[in-house]
Amino acid sequence: MRKVLAIMCILAVGTAAAMEIPEADSPDAKLFAARCSICHALPHPKRLDWPHWRHILKLMHRRAKERGVNIPPEEWRRIAAYLKRHAR
């Protein structure tokens, strides 16, 4: 199990680096990459404009709760702020 988790972490970090997300070394970009790649491939922030990201974040918040993924409110705010800064 630990080996699988280690491989997943390596893949998530590698994917974020390969995509070259904005401010990739910043704490908010790292949080975005870590939290948003738990369940799916990491989307690039420029994929959507801010109104669409806001809608997606509401959906993801609900799905995270349904799956028992606990992301603290402050982390949701930081992810939203990051996406808003870098949206299309």
PDB file of N, CA and C in Angstrom:
ATOM      1  N   MET A   1       0.829  -1.201   0.000  1.00  0.00           N
ATOM      2  CA  MET A   1       0.000   0.000   0.000  1.00  0.00           C
ATOM      3  C   MET A   1       0.866   1.254   0.000  1.00  0.00           C
ATOM      4  N   ARG A   2       1.897   1.289   0.821  1.00  0.00           N
ATOM      5  CA  ARG A   2       2.779   2.461   0.856  1.00  0.00           C
ATOM      6  C   ARG A   2       3.448   2.691  -0.487  1.00  0.00           C
ATOM      7  N   LYS A   3       3.799   1.582  -1.142  1.00  0.00           N
ATOM      8  CA  LYS A   3       4.450   1.689  -2.443  1.00  0.00           C
ATOM      9  C   LYS A   3       3.501   2.328  -3.463  1.00  0.00           C
ATOM     10  N   VAL A   4       2.246   1.935  -3.422  1.00  0.00           N
ATOM     11  CA  VAL A   4       1.249   2.489  -4.328  1.00  0.00           C
ATOM     12  C   VAL A   4       1.066   3.983  -4.057  1.00  0.00           C
ATOM     13  N   LEU A   5       0.980   4.365  -2.785  1.00  0.00           N
ATOM     14  CA  LEU A   5       0.821   5.778  -2.441  1.00  0.00           C
ATOM     15  C   LEU A   5       2.034   6.584  -2.876  1.00  0.00           C
ATOM     16  N   ALA A   6       3.223   6.032  -2.705  1.00  0.00           N
ATOM     17  CA  ALA A   6       4.437   6.726  -3.126  1.00  0.00           C
ATOM     18  C   ALA A   6       4.437   6.947  -4.630  1.00  0.00           C
ATOM     19  N   ILE A   7       4.029   5.945  -5.372  1.00  0.00           N
ATOM     20  CA  ILE A   7       3.972   6.064  -6.836  1.00  0.00           C
ATOM     21  C   ILE A   7       2.936   7.113  -7.231  1.00  0.00           C
ATOM     22  N   MET A   8       1.781   7.125  -6.562  1.00  0.00           N
ATOM     23  CA  MET A   8       0.751   8.112  -6.858  1.00  0.00           C
ATOM     24  C   MET A   8       1.265   9.520  -6.595  1.00  0.00           C
ATOM     25  N   CYS A   9       2.001   9.703  -5.511  1.00  0.00           N
ATOM     26  CA  CYS A   9       2.558  11.021  -5.198  1.00  0.00           C
ATOM     27  C   CYS A   9       3.558  11.455  -6.256  1.00  0.00           C
ATOM     28  N   ILE A  10       4.408  10.536  -6.676  1.00  0.00           N
ATOM     29  CA  ILE A  10       5.397  10.850  -7.714  1.00  0.00           C
ATOM     30  C   ILE A  10       4.688  11.228  -9.005  1.00  0.00           C
ATOM     31  N   LEU A  11       3.652  10.486  -9.365  1.00  0.00           N
ATOM     32  CA  LEU A  11       2.916  10.788 -10.591  1.00  0.00           C
ATOM     33  C   LEU A  11       2.231  12.146 -10.497  1.00  0.00           C
ATOM     34  N   ALA A  12       1.639  12.452  -9.357  1.00  0.00           N
ATOM     35  CA  ALA A  12       0.953  13.734  -9.191  1.00  0.00           C
ATOM     36  C   ALA A  12       1.936  14.887  -9.300  1.00  0.00           C
ATOM     37  N   VAL A  13       3.082  14.765  -8.666  1.00  0.00           N
ATOM     38  CA  VAL A  13       4.084  15.819  -8.735  1.00  0.00           C
ATOM     39  C   VAL A  13       4.621  15.931 -10.153  1.00  0.00           C
ATOM     40  N   GLY A  14       4.888  14.816 -10.781  1.00  0.00           N
ATOM     41  CA  GLY A  14       5.379  14.825 -12.151  1.00  0.00           C
ATOM     42  C   GLY A  14       4.382  15.440 -13.098  1.00  0.00           C
ATOM     43  N   THR A  15       3.102  15.151 -12.919  1.00  0.00           N
ATOM     44  CA  THR A  15       2.062  15.709 -13.774  1.00  0.00           C
ATOM     45  C   THR A  15       1.994  17.217 -13.614  1.00  0.00           C
ATOM     46  N   ALA A  16       2.047  17.700 -12.380  1.00  0.00           N
ATOM     47  CA  ALA A  16       1.988  19.139 -12.142  1.00  0.00           C
ATOM     48  C   ALA A  16       3.177  19.827 -12.792  1.00  0.00           C
ATOM     49  N   ALA A  17       4.356  19.242 -12.669  1.00  0.00           N
ATOM     50  CA  ALA A  17       5.544  19.849 -13.252  1.00  0.00           C
ATOM     51  C   ALA A  17       5.467  19.811 -14.775  1.00  0.00           C
ATOM     52  N   ALA A  18       4.992  18.716 -15.339  1.00  0.00           N
ATOM     53  CA  ALA A  18       4.914  18.583 -16.790  1.00  0.00           C
ATOM     54  C   ALA A  18       3.925  19.578 -17.381  1.00  0.00           C
ATOM     55  N   MET A  19       2.845  19.863 -16.659  1.00  0.00           N
ATOM     56  CA  MET A  19       1.839  20.801 -17.143  1.00  0.00           C
ATOM     57  C   MET A  19       2.307  22.240 -17.023  1.00  0.00           C
ATOM     58  N   GLU A  20       3.304  22.482 -16.184  1.00  0.00           N
ATOM     59  CA  GLU A  20       3.794  23.827 -15.941  1.00  0.00           C
ATOM     60  C   GLU A  20       2.659  24.761 -15.540  1.00  0.00           C
ATOM     61  N   ILE A  21       2.007  24.426 -14.437  1.00  0.00           N
ATOM     62  CA  ILE A  21       0.952  25.294 -13.943  1.00  0.00           C
ATOM     63  C   ILE A  21       1.577  26.605 -13.474  1.00  0.00           C
ATOM     64  N   PRO A  22       0.826  27.695 -13.489  1.00  0.00           N
ATOM     65  CA  PRO A  22       1.353  28.984 -13.052  1.00  0.00           C
ATOM     66  C   PRO A  22       1.846  28.936 -11.608  1.00  0.00           C
ATOM     67  N   GLU A  23       2.947  29.619 -11.346  1.00  0.00           N
ATOM     68  CA  GLU A  23       3.519  29.711 -10.002  1.00  0.00           C
ATOM     69  C   GLU A  23       3.689  28.329  -9.380  1.00  0.00           C
ATOM     70  N   ALA A  24       4.176  27.373 -10.146  1.00  0.00           N
ATOM     71  CA  ALA A  24       4.222  25.972  -9.721  1.00  0.00           C
ATOM     72  C   ALA A  24       4.897  25.745  -8.370  1.00  0.00           C
ATOM     73  N   ASP A  25       5.835  26.591  -8.000  1.00  0.00           N
ATOM     74  CA  ASP A  25       6.534  26.415  -6.721  1.00  0.00           C
ATOM     75  C   ASP A  25       5.869  27.146  -5.560  1.00  0.00           C
ATOM     76  N   SER A  26       4.790  27.868  -5.824  1.00  0.00           N
ATOM     77  CA  SER A  26       4.116  28.608  -4.757  1.00  0.00           C
ATOM     78  C   SER A  26       3.301  27.658  -3.879  1.00  0.00           C
ATOM     79  N   PRO A  27       3.082  28.033  -2.625  1.00  0.00           N
ATOM     80  CA  PRO A  27       2.264  27.183  -1.734  1.00  0.00           C
ATOM     81  C   PRO A  27       0.856  26.934  -2.271  1.00  0.00           C
ATOM     82  N   ASP A  28       0.250  27.945  -2.898  1.00  0.00           N
ATOM     83  CA  ASP A  28      -1.116  27.762  -3.411  1.00  0.00           C
ATOM     84  C   ASP A  28      -1.150  26.819  -4.608  1.00  0.00           C
ATOM     85  N   ALA A  29      -0.156  26.907  -5.486  1.00  0.00           N
ATOM     86  CA  ALA A  29      -0.101  25.983  -6.627  1.00  0.00           C
ATOM     87  C   ALA A  29       0.131  24.556  -6.146  1.00  0.00           C
ATOM     88  N   LYS A  30       0.993  24.405  -5.158  1.00  0.00           N
ATOM     89  CA  LYS A  30       1.252  23.064  -4.610  1.00  0.00           C
ATOM     90  C   LYS A  30       0.005  22.498  -3.939  1.00  0.00           C
ATOM     91  N   LEU A  31      -0.733  23.354  -3.236  1.00  0.00           N
ATOM     92  CA  LEU A  31      -1.984  22.916  -2.604  1.00  0.00           C
ATOM     93  C   LEU A  31      -2.992  22.497  -3.676  1.00  0.00           C
ATOM     94  N   PHE A  32      -3.144  23.323  -4.700  1.00  0.00           N
ATOM     95  CA  PHE A  32      -4.032  23.006  -5.828  1.00  0.00           C
ATOM     96  C   PHE A  32      -3.665  21.651  -6.427  1.00  0.00           C
ATOM     97  N   ALA A  33      -2.377  21.457  -6.694  1.00  0.00           N
ATOM     98  CA  ALA A  33      -1.923  20.201  -7.303  1.00  0.00           C
ATOM     99  C   ALA A  33      -2.180  19.013  -6.379  1.00  0.00           C
ATOM    100  N   ALA A  34      -1.885  19.185  -5.108  1.00  0.00           N
ATOM    101  CA  ALA A  34      -2.040  18.074  -4.158  1.00  0.00           C
ATOM    102  C   ALA A  34      -3.503  17.695  -3.950  1.00  0.00           C
ATOM    103  N   ARG A  35      -4.341  18.679  -3.725  1.00  0.00           N
ATOM    104  CA  ARG A  35      -5.748  18.392  -3.423  1.00  0.00           C
ATOM    105  C   ARG A  35      -6.560  17.999  -4.651  1.00  0.00           C
ATOM    106  N   CYS A  36      -6.308  18.677  -5.764  1.00  0.00           N
ATOM    107  CA  CYS A  36      -7.163  18.467  -6.933  1.00  0.00           C
ATOM    108  C   CYS A  36      -6.749  17.267  -7.774  1.00  0.00           C
ATOM    109  N   SER A  37      -5.622  16.670  -7.448  1.00  0.00           N
ATOM    110  CA  SER A  37      -5.231  15.465  -8.188  1.00  0.00           C
ATOM    111  C   SER A  37      -5.500  14.197  -7.371  1.00  0.00           C
ATOM    112  N   ILE A  38      -6.161  14.345  -6.239  1.00  0.00           N
ATOM    113  CA  ILE A  38      -6.511  13.176  -5.424  1.00  0.00           C
ATOM    114  C   ILE A  38      -7.456  12.255  -6.200  1.00  0.00           C
ATOM    115  N   CYS A  39      -8.435  12.856  -6.871  1.00  0.00           N
ATOM    116  CA  CYS A  39      -9.481  12.066  -7.531  1.00  0.00           C
ATOM    117  C   CYS A  39      -9.409  12.081  -9.056  1.00  0.00           C
ATOM    118  N   HIS A  40      -8.686  13.028  -9.630  1.00  0.00           N
ATOM    119  CA  HIS A  40      -8.671  13.145 -11.090  1.00  0.00           C
ATOM    120  C   HIS A  40      -7.392  13.827 -11.550  1.00  0.00           C
ATOM    121  N   ALA A  41      -7.182  13.826 -12.860  1.00  0.00           N
ATOM    122  CA  ALA A  41      -6.022  14.507 -13.431  1.00  0.00           C
ATOM    123  C   ALA A  41      -6.126  16.003 -13.131  1.00  0.00           C
ATOM    124  N   LEU A  42      -4.997  16.618 -12.924  1.00  0.00           N
ATOM    125  CA  LEU A  42      -4.956  18.033 -12.585  1.00  0.00           C
ATOM    126  C   LEU A  42      -5.293  18.887 -13.813  1.00  0.00           C
ATOM    127  N   PRO A  43      -6.358  19.687 -13.725  1.00  0.00           N
ATOM    128  CA  PRO A  43      -6.677  20.568 -14.844  1.00  0.00           C
ATOM    129  C   PRO A  43      -5.809  21.826 -14.798  1.00  0.00           C
ATOM    130  N   HIS A  44      -5.494  22.380 -15.945  1.00  0.00           N
ATOM    131  CA  HIS A  44      -4.738  23.633 -15.975  1.00  0.00           C
ATOM    132  C   HIS A  44      -5.681  24.774 -15.603  1.00  0.00           C
ATOM    133  N   PRO A  45      -5.246  25.727 -14.792  1.00  0.00           N
ATOM    134  CA  PRO A  45      -6.126  26.836 -14.386  1.00  0.00           C
ATOM    135  C   PRO A  45      -6.694  27.644 -15.553  1.00  0.00           C
ATOM    136  N   LYS A  46      -5.973  27.704 -16.656  1.00  0.00           N
ATOM    137  CA  LYS A  46      -6.458  28.471 -17.813  1.00  0.00           C
ATOM    138  C   LYS A  46      -7.513  27.716 -18.612  1.00  0.00           C
ATOM    139  N   ARG A  47      -7.827  26.530 -18.174  1.00  0.00           N
ATOM    140  CA  ARG A  47      -8.825  25.725 -18.880  1.00  0.00           C
ATOM    141  C   ARG A  47     -10.194  26.402 -18.888  1.00  0.00           C
ATOM    142  N   LEU A  48     -10.521  27.106 -17.803  1.00  0.00           N
ATOM    143  CA  LEU A  48     -11.832  27.742 -17.662  1.00  0.00           C
ATOM    144  C   LEU A  48     -11.691  29.190 -17.224  1.00  0.00           C
ATOM    145  N   ASP A  49     -12.770  29.968 -17.413  1.00  0.00           N
ATOM    146  CA  ASP A  49     -12.795  31.315 -16.839  1.00  0.00           C
ATOM    147  C   ASP A  49     -13.282  31.209 -15.392  1.00  0.00           C
ATOM    148  N   TRP A  50     -13.190  32.317 -14.654  1.00  0.00           N
ATOM    149  CA  TRP A  50     -13.505  32.270 -13.223  1.00  0.00           C
ATOM    150  C   TRP A  50     -14.950  31.838 -12.934  1.00  0.00           C
ATOM    151  N   PRO A  51     -15.975  32.344 -13.631  1.00  0.00           N
ATOM    152  CA  PRO A  51     -17.335  31.883 -13.320  1.00  0.00           C
ATOM    153  C   PRO A  51     -17.490  30.364 -13.448  1.00  0.00           C
ATOM    154  N   HIS A  52     -16.854  29.788 -14.447  1.00  0.00           N
ATOM    155  CA  HIS A  52     -16.937  28.330 -14.594  1.00  0.00           C
ATOM    156  C   HIS A  52     -16.159  27.612 -13.490  1.00  0.00           C
ATOM    157  N   TRP A  53     -14.998  28.132 -13.124  1.00  0.00           N
ATOM    158  CA  TRP A  53     -14.252  27.518 -12.015  1.00  0.00           C
ATOM    159  C   TRP A  53     -15.060  27.559 -10.728  1.00  0.00           C
ATOM    160  N   ARG A  54     -15.723  28.689 -10.486  1.00  0.00           N
ATOM    161  CA  ARG A  54     -16.528  28.814  -9.266  1.00  0.00           C
ATOM    162  C   ARG A  54     -17.591  27.719  -9.232  1.00  0.00           C
ATOM    163  N   HIS A  55     -18.236  27.481 -10.363  1.00  0.00           N
ATOM    164  CA  HIS A  55     -19.244  26.419 -10.469  1.00  0.00           C
ATOM    165  C   HIS A  55     -18.604  25.042 -10.230  1.00  0.00           C
ATOM    166  N   ILE A  56     -17.459  24.784 -10.859  1.00  0.00           N
ATOM    167  CA  ILE A  56     -16.766  23.501 -10.703  1.00  0.00           C
ATOM    168  C   ILE A  56     -16.357  23.286  -9.249  1.00  0.00           C
ATOM    169  N   LEU A  57     -15.870  24.340  -8.587  1.00  0.00           N
ATOM    170  CA  LEU A  57     -15.465  24.204  -7.184  1.00  0.00           C
ATOM    171  C   LEU A  57     -16.641  23.806  -6.296  1.00  0.00           C
ATOM    172  N   LYS A  58     -17.812  24.347  -6.568  1.00  0.00           N
ATOM    173  CA  LYS A  58     -19.004  23.951  -5.802  1.00  0.00           C
ATOM    174  C   LYS A  58     -19.296  22.467  -5.996  1.00  0.00           C
ATOM    175  N   LEU A  59     -19.203  22.009  -7.249  1.00  0.00           N
ATOM    176  CA  LEU A  59     -19.425  20.581  -7.533  1.00  0.00           C
ATOM    177  C   LEU A  59     -18.364  19.712  -6.853  1.00  0.00           C
ATOM    178  N   MET A  60     -17.117  20.124  -6.945  1.00  0.00           N
ATOM    179  CA  MET A  60     -16.023  19.346  -6.358  1.00  0.00           C
ATOM    180  C   MET A  60     -16.129  19.312  -4.831  1.00  0.00           C
ATOM    181  N   HIS A  61     -16.588  20.403  -4.250  1.00  0.00           N
ATOM    182  CA  HIS A  61     -16.782  20.436  -2.794  1.00  0.00           C
ATOM    183  C   HIS A  61     -17.809  19.387  -2.379  1.00  0.00           C
ATOM    184  N   ARG A  62     -18.898  19.332  -3.114  1.00  0.00           N
ATOM    185  CA  ARG A  62     -19.941  18.344  -2.824  1.00  0.00           C
ATOM    186  C   ARG A  62     -19.424  16.916  -3.031  1.00  0.00           C
ATOM    187  N   ARG A  63     -18.709  16.685  -4.130  1.00  0.00           N
ATOM    188  CA  ARG A  63     -18.185  15.341  -4.405  1.00  0.00           C
ATOM    189  C   ARG A  63     -17.139  14.923  -3.378  1.00  0.00           C
ATOM    190  N   ALA A  64     -16.320  15.860  -2.954  1.00  0.00           N
ATOM    191  CA  ALA A  64     -15.317  15.535  -1.929  1.00  0.00           C
ATOM    192  C   ALA A  64     -16.015  15.075  -0.650  1.00  0.00           C
ATOM    193  N   LYS A  65     -17.041  15.794  -0.237  1.00  0.00           N
ATOM    194  CA  LYS A  65     -17.792  15.399   0.960  1.00  0.00           C
ATOM    195  C   LYS A  65     -18.410  14.012   0.790  1.00  0.00           C
ATOM    196  N   GLU A  66     -18.999  13.746  -0.384  1.00  0.00           N
ATOM    197  CA  GLU A  66     -19.614  12.436  -0.652  1.00  0.00           C
ATOM    198  C   GLU A  66     -18.597  11.313  -0.550  1.00  0.00           C
ATOM    199  N   ARG A  67     -17.345  11.585  -0.932  1.00  0.00           N
ATOM    200  CA  ARG A  67     -16.294  10.565  -0.914  1.00  0.00           C
ATOM    201  C   ARG A  67     -15.501  10.546   0.388  1.00  0.00           C
ATOM    202  N   GLY A  68     -15.883  11.404   1.335  1.00  0.00           N
ATOM    203  CA  GLY A  68     -15.192  11.439   2.616  1.00  0.00           C
ATOM    204  C   GLY A  68     -13.844  12.133   2.580  1.00  0.00           C
ATOM    205  N   VAL A  69     -13.626  12.950   1.549  1.00  0.00           N
ATOM    206  CA  VAL A  69     -12.379  13.711   1.448  1.00  0.00           C
ATOM    207  C   VAL A  69     -12.599  15.030   2.173  1.00  0.00           C
ATOM    208  N   ASN A  70     -11.865  15.228   3.257  1.00  0.00           N
ATOM    209  CA  ASN A  70     -12.034  16.428   4.067  1.00  0.00           C
ATOM    210  C   ASN A  70     -10.983  17.465   3.683  1.00  0.00           C
ATOM    211  N   ILE A  71     -11.423  18.510   3.022  1.00  0.00           N
ATOM    212  CA  ILE A  71     -10.547  19.632   2.680  1.00  0.00           C
ATOM    213  C   ILE A  71     -11.027  20.821   3.504  1.00  0.00           C
ATOM    214  N   PRO A  72     -10.178  21.330   4.377  1.00  0.00           N
ATOM    215  CA  PRO A  72     -10.586  22.443   5.245  1.00  0.00           C
ATOM    216  C   PRO A  72     -11.007  23.684   4.450  1.00  0.00           C
ATOM    217  N   PRO A  73     -11.937  24.479   4.999  1.00  0.00           N
ATOM    218  CA  PRO A  73     -12.424  25.681   4.309  1.00  0.00           C
ATOM    219  C   PRO A  73     -11.304  26.626   3.861  1.00  0.00           C
ATOM    220  N   GLU A  74     -10.280  26.796   4.672  1.00  0.00           N
ATOM    221  CA  GLU A  74      -9.173  27.688   4.296  1.00  0.00           C
ATOM    222  C   GLU A  74      -8.462  27.177   3.043  1.00  0.00           C
ATOM    223  N   GLU A  75      -8.336  25.861   2.905  1.00  0.00           N
ATOM    224  CA  GLU A  75      -7.705  25.309   1.709  1.00  0.00           C
ATOM    225  C   GLU A  75      -8.587  25.520   0.483  1.00  0.00           C
ATOM    226  N   TRP A  76      -9.905  25.374   0.637  1.00  0.00           N
ATOM    227  CA  TRP A  76     -10.817  25.660  -0.481  1.00  0.00           C
ATOM    228  C   TRP A  76     -10.664  27.110  -0.910  1.00  0.00           C
ATOM    229  N   ARG A  77     -10.562  28.044   0.061  1.00  0.00           N
ATOM    230  CA  ARG A  77     -10.412  29.466  -0.264  1.00  0.00           C
ATOM    231  C   ARG A  77      -9.109  29.718  -1.017  1.00  0.00           C
ATOM    232  N   ARG A  78      -8.039  29.078  -0.581  1.00  0.00           N
ATOM    233  CA  ARG A  78      -6.745  29.261  -1.255  1.00  0.00           C
ATOM    234  C   ARG A  78      -6.769  28.696  -2.681  1.00  0.00           C
ATOM    235  N   ILE A  79      -7.393  27.538  -2.842  1.00  0.00           N
ATOM    236  CA  ILE A  79      -7.510  26.942  -4.184  1.00  0.00           C
ATOM    237  C   ILE A  79      -8.349  27.850  -5.078  1.00  0.00           C
ATOM    238  N   ALA A  80      -9.460  28.352  -4.547  1.00  0.00           N
ATOM    239  CA  ALA A  80     -10.320  29.250  -5.331  1.00  0.00           C
ATOM    240  C   ALA A  80      -9.571  30.525  -5.720  1.00  0.00           C
ATOM    241  N   ALA A  81      -8.822  31.092  -4.788  1.00  0.00           N
ATOM    242  CA  ALA A  81      -8.068  32.313  -5.078  1.00  0.00           C
ATOM    243  C   ALA A  81      -7.006  32.042  -6.145  1.00  0.00           C
ATOM    244  N   TYR A  82      -6.363  30.897  -6.057  1.00  0.00           N
ATOM    245  CA  TYR A  82      -5.354  30.520  -7.049  1.00  0.00           C
ATOM    246  C   TYR A  82      -5.993  30.400  -8.437  1.00  0.00           C
ATOM    247  N   LEU A  83      -7.120  29.693  -8.507  1.00  0.00           N
ATOM    248  CA  LEU A  83      -7.803  29.521  -9.793  1.00  0.00           C
ATOM    249  C   LEU A  83      -8.314  30.857 -10.340  1.00  0.00           C
ATOM    250  N   LYS A  84      -8.807  31.699  -9.464  1.00  0.00           N
ATOM    251  CA  LYS A  84      -9.305  33.004  -9.900  1.00  0.00           C
ATOM    252  C   LYS A  84      -8.160  33.838 -10.495  1.00  0.00           C
ATOM    253  N   ARG A  85      -6.998  33.808  -9.849  1.00  0.00           N
ATOM    254  CA  ARG A  85      -5.838  34.566 -10.346  1.00  0.00           C
ATOM    255  C   ARG A  85      -5.375  34.079 -11.708  1.00  0.00           C
ATOM    256  N   HIS A  86      -5.524  32.781 -11.975  1.00  0.00           N
ATOM    257  CA  HIS A  86      -4.942  32.212 -13.178  1.00  0.00           C
ATOM    258  C   HIS A  86      -5.973  31.687 -14.181  1.00  0.00           C
ATOM    259  N   ALA A  87      -7.233  31.991 -13.963  1.00  0.00           N
ATOM    260  CA  ALA A  87      -8.281  31.542 -14.892  1.00  0.00           C
ATOM    261  C   ALA A  87      -8.115  32.228 -16.239  1.00  0.00           C
ATOM    262  N   ARG A  88      -8.756  31.662 -17.217  1.00  0.00           N
ATOM    263  CA  ARG A  88      -8.715  32.189 -18.587  1.00  0.00           C
ATOM    264  C   ARG A  88      -9.287  33.568 -18.645  1.00  0.00           C
TER     265      ARG A  88
END
